[in-house]
Amino acid sequence: MLGDAQQDGMYILAAKDIFKKVVTPFEIRGSCFEIYCEKLYDLVQGRKQVQAREDANGVVKICGLSNHVIRSEEELMPLVAMSKQYRAQGATSANAQSSRSHAVLKLYLHYEGEEEEICNFTFVDLAGSERGQDTSDRDQKTRREGCEINKSLLALKECIRGLDSGHKHIKFRGSKLTEVLKGCFTGHSRSVMIATVSPAQSDVEHSMNTLRYAHRVKQLPPVKVSQENRKVATRSVSRGGRKSAPPQSFAPPPPKAGAEGARAGRVGRSTSRGG
């Protein structure tokens, strides 16, 4: 997701495409947060805890989450670097630098200086599932983190299975991860999953499980949008939104010990409610 000196990561590649298409009077704003042990933390505000709330229309909002104007892919990098430094990390038997949370980057499209959101892009860097033997020799905190990661991934799998089977009721409230991603699977949305696999014989079990997971996402039927919803979305884009205070600014954080955790799965989401 982050890339390196030789190759740009998914964040930058996506941002380059987005900024090629965004012109005046539109602007892009960004936010970064993590889902750690069923709690949400704003990674741009030093892991300040925020809350997921569902409004009267069934749309999940992250209350207290900061957002910042981004004018180019270069301005996105400090935001990503800050989230990388504050994201929860730890060591397991399988990985000395393991991510202990799911990280979420959201990019929002707005009219300049206005509050109403036209659409958003959600990038989710999923922590990898863990077997008991991977954390058996670690402390209680590490085992609890692994348990919470597995529970949230299982809840996501059940939601995907329910959508694939055409169930009327989907248990998005089964975890904070599925609650936050509700808008990525409903309404006028499209989704892409990028799976990380390994050719090593020792990783066959992990790779096969990941591919099965990704295949089920691939089989999801396209979201159907009614003609009335299309008209509402068009009107929303045409009229713009309410005036708001200028978005917050941020400064790069002080260095923090530790390296980036391993990534076992990546999910990219694009959700549009405004056209």
Protein backbone atom coordinates (compact mmCIF):
# COMPACT_ATOMS: atom_id res chain seq x y z
CA MET A 1 0.00 0.00 0.00
CA LEU A 2 2.80 2.43 0.90
CA GLY A 3 5.36 1.52 -1.76
CA ASP A 4 9.06 2.33 -1.49
CA ALA A 5 11.79 4.41 -3.11
CA GLN A 6 11.72 2.24 -6.26
CA GLN A 7 7.97 1.88 -6.70
CA ASP A 8 4.93 3.93 -5.72
CA GLY A 9 2.36 2.26 -3.49
CA MET A 10 -1.40 2.01 -4.00
CA TYR A 11 -2.07 5.25 -2.15
CA ILE A 12 0.12 7.33 -4.45
CA LEU A 13 -0.91 5.53 -7.66
CA ALA A 14 -4.57 6.10 -6.84
CA ALA A 15 -3.95 9.71 -5.83
CA LYS A 16 -2.19 10.43 -9.14
CA ASP A 17 -5.23 9.21 -11.08
CA ILE A 18 -7.63 11.13 -8.85
CA PHE A 19 -5.79 14.44 -9.10
CA LYS A 20 -5.60 14.14 -12.90
CA LYS A 21 -9.39 14.28 -12.96
CA VAL A 22 -10.12 16.75 -10.14
CA VAL A 23 -10.32 20.36 -11.31
CA THR A 24 -11.77 23.59 -9.94
CA PRO A 25 -14.26 24.00 -8.24
CA PHE A 26 -13.63 20.62 -6.61
CA GLU A 27 -11.14 19.71 -3.89
CA ILE A 28 -9.91 16.54 -2.17
CA ARG A 29 -9.77 16.08 1.59
CA GLY A 30 -8.24 13.15 3.43
CA SER A 31 -8.47 11.32 6.76
CA CYS A 32 -6.59 8.39 8.31
CA PHE A 33 -7.73 6.21 11.19
CA GLU A 34 -7.26 2.70 12.52
CA ILE A 35 -9.55 0.04 13.97
CA TYR A 36 -7.74 -1.46 16.95
CA CYS A 37 -9.47 -3.95 19.26
CA GLU A 38 -12.92 -2.68 18.22
CA LYS A 39 -12.00 0.97 18.86
CA LEU A 40 -11.32 3.74 16.32
CA TYR A 41 -8.34 6.09 16.53
CA ASP A 42 -7.53 9.15 14.42
CA LEU A 43 -3.94 8.58 13.27
CA VAL A 44 -3.46 12.23 12.27
CA GLN A 45 -4.34 13.49 15.76
CA GLY A 46 -1.94 11.27 17.69
CA ARG A 47 -4.37 8.32 18.02
CA LYS A 48 -7.22 10.38 19.41
CA GLN A 49 -10.19 8.08 19.92
CA VAL A 50 -13.20 8.73 17.65
CA GLN A 51 -16.63 7.13 17.38
CA ALA A 52 -18.61 5.53 14.54
CA ARG A 53 -22.22 6.73 14.52
CA GLU A 54 -25.08 5.85 12.19
CA ASP A 55 -27.37 8.73 11.17
CA ALA A 56 -31.12 8.65 10.47
CA ASN A 57 -30.44 7.63 6.85
CA GLY A 58 -28.36 4.62 7.86
CA VAL A 59 -25.07 6.25 6.82
CA VAL A 60 -22.14 5.57 9.17
CA LYS A 61 -20.17 8.70 10.12
CA ILE A 62 -16.91 8.86 12.07
CA CYS A 63 -17.52 11.54 14.70
CA GLY A 64 -14.47 13.59 15.68
CA LEU A 65 -12.36 12.43 12.71
CA SER A 66 -10.17 15.20 11.27
CA ASN A 67 -9.98 15.85 7.53
CA HIS A 68 -7.36 17.82 5.64
CA VAL A 69 -7.22 19.43 2.20
CA ILE A 70 -4.84 17.59 -0.17
CA ARG A 71 -3.90 19.30 -3.43
CA SER A 72 -1.49 16.74 -4.88
CA GLU A 73 -0.04 13.28 -4.33
CA GLU A 74 3.00 14.93 -2.72
CA GLU A 75 0.75 16.47 -0.05
CA LEU A 76 -0.75 13.05 0.64
CA MET A 77 2.60 11.58 1.75
CA PRO A 78 2.84 13.45 5.12
CA LEU A 79 -0.65 12.23 5.94
CA VAL A 80 0.30 8.64 5.13
CA ALA A 81 3.63 8.94 6.99
CA MET A 82 1.85 10.18 10.10
CA SER A 83 -0.63 7.32 10.03
CA LYS A 84 2.23 4.84 9.58
CA GLN A 85 4.02 6.15 12.68
CA TYR A 86 0.99 6.01 14.95
CA ARG A 87 -0.51 2.73 13.71
CA ALA A 88 -0.44 -0.07 16.31
CA GLN A 89 2.32 -2.61 15.65
CA GLY A 90 3.81 -5.59 17.48
CA ALA A 91 5.73 -8.84 17.13
CA THR A 92 4.48 -12.40 16.70
CA SER A 93 6.15 -15.76 16.09
CA ALA A 94 5.38 -15.40 12.37
CA ASN A 95 6.29 -11.73 11.95
CA ALA A 96 8.55 -9.47 13.98
CA GLN A 97 6.84 -6.35 12.59
CA SER A 98 3.15 -7.16 12.51
CA SER A 99 0.26 -4.72 12.10
CA ARG A 100 -2.11 -5.01 15.05
CA SER A 101 -4.95 -3.00 13.51
CA HIS A 102 -6.82 -2.32 10.28
CA ALA A 103 -5.78 1.02 8.77
CA VAL A 104 -8.22 3.16 6.77
CA LEU A 105 -7.42 6.07 4.44
CA LYS A 106 -10.41 8.04 3.18
CA LEU A 107 -10.30 10.63 0.38
CA TYR A 108 -13.36 12.83 -0.02
CA LEU A 109 -14.47 14.90 -3.01
CA HIS A 110 -16.02 18.27 -2.11
CA TYR A 111 -16.85 21.55 -3.73
CA GLU A 112 -14.21 24.06 -2.59
CA GLY A 113 -15.05 25.46 0.85
CA GLU A 114 -18.26 23.47 1.19
CA GLU A 115 -19.15 20.77 3.67
CA GLU A 116 -21.34 18.39 1.71
CA GLU A 117 -19.48 15.34 0.45
CA ILE A 118 -19.97 14.38 -3.20
CA CYS A 119 -18.23 10.99 -3.04
CA ASN A 120 -15.39 9.24 -1.26
CA PHE A 121 -12.66 6.68 -1.83
CA THR A 122 -11.92 4.28 1.05
CA PHE A 123 -8.64 2.35 1.17
CA VAL A 124 -8.48 -0.36 3.85
CA ASP A 125 -5.20 -2.04 4.77
CA LEU A 126 -6.38 -5.19 6.57
CA ALA A 127 -4.29 -6.82 9.26
CA GLY A 128 -3.66 -10.48 8.43
CA SER A 129 -5.50 -13.30 10.17
CA GLU A 130 -3.47 -15.17 12.78
CA ARG A 131 -3.29 -18.78 13.91
CA GLY A 132 -3.02 -19.64 17.59
CA GLN A 133 0.50 -20.96 17.11
CA ASP A 134 1.61 -17.56 15.77
CA THR A 135 0.90 -15.90 19.13
CA SER A 136 1.16 -18.84 21.55
CA ASP A 137 4.50 -17.73 22.96
CA ARG A 138 3.52 -14.06 23.26
CA ASP A 139 1.90 -12.11 26.07
CA GLN A 140 -1.81 -11.77 26.76
CA LYS A 141 -2.04 -8.43 24.95
CA THR A 142 -0.71 -9.91 21.69
CA ARG A 143 -3.09 -12.87 21.91
CA ARG A 144 -6.03 -10.55 22.54
CA GLU A 145 -5.07 -8.42 19.51
CA GLY A 146 -4.88 -11.51 17.33
CA CYS A 147 -8.27 -12.65 18.56
CA GLU A 148 -9.87 -9.28 17.77
CA ILE A 149 -8.30 -9.23 14.29
CA ASN A 150 -9.66 -12.71 13.52
CA LYS A 151 -13.12 -11.83 14.84
CA SER A 152 -13.35 -8.72 12.66
CA LEU A 153 -12.15 -10.59 9.55
CA LEU A 154 -14.69 -13.35 10.22
CA ALA A 155 -17.45 -10.73 10.57
CA LEU A 156 -16.38 -9.22 7.23
CA LYS A 157 -16.41 -12.68 5.64
CA GLU A 158 -19.94 -13.30 6.94
CA CYS A 159 -21.15 -9.97 5.51
CA ILE A 160 -19.62 -10.80 2.13
CA ARG A 161 -21.18 -14.26 2.26
CA GLY A 162 -24.58 -12.74 3.09
CA LEU A 163 -24.33 -10.27 0.21
CA ASP A 164 -23.25 -13.04 -2.16
CA SER A 165 -26.22 -15.19 -1.07
CA GLY A 166 -28.71 -12.34 -1.43
CA HIS A 167 -29.70 -12.17 2.24
CA LYS A 168 -32.01 -9.28 3.11
CA HIS A 169 -30.39 -8.64 6.50
CA ILE A 170 -26.61 -8.22 6.59
CA LYS A 171 -24.93 -8.10 10.02
CA PHE A 172 -22.80 -4.99 9.47
CA ARG A 173 -22.88 -4.33 13.22
CA GLY A 174 -21.00 -7.57 13.87
CA SER A 175 -17.75 -5.60 14.24
CA LYS A 176 -16.40 -2.08 13.93
CA LEU A 177 -14.68 -3.07 10.68
CA THR A 178 -17.93 -4.12 8.98
CA GLU A 179 -19.78 -1.16 10.47
CA VAL A 180 -17.23 1.27 9.00
CA LEU A 181 -17.30 -0.54 5.64
CA LYS A 182 -21.09 -0.67 5.39
CA GLY A 183 -21.16 2.14 2.84
CA CYS A 184 -18.64 0.27 0.68
CA PHE A 185 -21.06 -2.59 0.11
CA THR A 186 -24.34 -0.68 -0.08
CA GLY A 187 -25.73 2.25 -2.04
CA HIS A 188 -23.98 3.48 -5.17
CA SER A 189 -20.59 1.83 -4.62
CA ARG A 190 -17.90 -0.25 -6.29
CA SER A 191 -15.22 -2.34 -4.63
CA VAL A 192 -11.83 -3.84 -5.45
CA MET A 193 -9.83 -6.32 -3.39
CA ILE A 194 -6.09 -6.84 -3.80
CA ALA A 195 -4.84 -10.06 -2.19
CA THR A 196 -1.28 -10.67 -1.05
CA VAL A 197 -0.13 -14.27 -1.50
CA SER A 198 3.18 -16.12 -1.35
CA PRO A 199 4.66 -18.89 -3.56
CA ALA A 200 6.42 -20.44 -0.54
CA GLN A 201 5.34 -23.95 0.43
CA SER A 202 5.12 -22.93 4.08
CA ASP A 203 2.50 -20.26 3.20
CA VAL A 204 0.19 -22.48 1.13
CA GLU A 205 -2.55 -22.51 3.77
CA HIS A 206 -2.51 -18.72 4.18
CA SER A 207 -2.40 -18.11 0.42
CA MET A 208 -5.30 -20.48 -0.31
CA ASN A 209 -7.47 -18.93 2.40
CA THR A 210 -6.70 -15.46 1.07
CA LEU A 211 -7.58 -16.47 -2.50
CA ARG A 212 -10.86 -18.01 -1.36
CA TYR A 213 -11.65 -14.79 0.48
CA ALA A 214 -10.87 -12.66 -2.57
CA HIS A 215 -12.83 -14.96 -4.89
CA ARG A 216 -15.97 -14.50 -2.81
CA VAL A 217 -15.57 -10.71 -3.03
CA LYS A 218 -15.15 -11.04 -6.79
CA GLN A 219 -18.43 -12.96 -7.01
CA LEU A 220 -20.46 -10.21 -5.34
CA PRO A 221 -23.25 -8.96 -7.62
CA PRO A 222 -23.03 -5.30 -8.71
CA VAL A 223 -24.92 -2.84 -6.52
CA LYS A 224 -28.22 -1.92 -8.14
CA VAL A 225 -29.09 1.78 -8.10
CA SER A 226 -32.68 2.78 -8.69
CA GLN A 227 -33.60 5.55 -11.10
CA GLU A 228 -34.89 7.64 -8.19
CA ASN A 229 -31.57 7.30 -6.36
CA ARG A 230 -29.75 8.41 -9.50
CA LYS A 231 -31.93 11.53 -9.66
CA VAL A 232 -31.28 12.30 -5.99
CA ALA A 233 -27.54 11.86 -6.52
CA THR A 234 -27.59 14.16 -9.54
CA ARG A 235 -29.46 16.86 -7.62
CA SER A 236 -26.95 16.56 -4.77
CA VAL A 237 -24.02 17.24 -7.11
CA SER A 238 -25.81 20.07 -8.87
CA ARG A 239 -26.67 22.07 -5.80
CA GLY A 240 -23.39 21.70 -3.89
CA GLY A 241 -23.43 21.84 -0.08
CA ARG A 242 -23.38 24.00 3.01
CA LYS A 243 -20.55 26.36 3.84
CA SER A 244 -18.16 25.09 6.48
CA ALA A 245 -15.08 26.17 8.38
CA PRO A 246 -11.74 25.64 6.65
CA PRO A 247 -10.48 22.04 6.95
CA GLN A 248 -7.85 21.37 9.58
CA SER A 249 -4.15 21.49 8.84
CA PHE A 250 -1.50 19.19 10.24
CA ALA A 251 2.25 18.99 10.75
CA PRO A 252 4.52 15.93 10.46
CA PRO A 253 4.85 14.10 13.83
CA PRO A 254 8.08 13.50 15.74
CA PRO A 255 9.89 10.24 14.85
CA LYS A 256 8.61 7.11 16.52
CA ALA A 257 10.52 3.89 17.09
CA GLY A 258 9.44 0.80 15.20
CA ALA A 259 9.02 -0.18 11.58
CA GLU A 260 5.97 -0.71 9.47
CA GLY A 261 3.93 -3.85 10.18
CA ALA A 262 3.39 -6.56 7.64
CA ARG A 263 0.35 -6.39 5.42
CA ALA A 264 -1.56 -9.57 4.70
CA GLY A 265 -4.55 -8.15 2.87
CA ARG A 266 -5.58 -4.93 1.15
CA VAL A 267 -8.99 -3.67 0.26
CA GLY A 268 -9.72 -0.57 -1.84
CA ARG A 269 -13.18 0.97 -1.88
CA SER A 270 -14.80 3.70 -3.89
CA THR A 271 -18.16 4.89 -2.61
CA SER A 272 -20.26 7.53 -4.29
CA ARG A 273 -23.44 9.01 -2.96
CA GLY A 274 -23.46 12.18 -4.96
CA GLY A 275 -22.83 11.21 -8.61
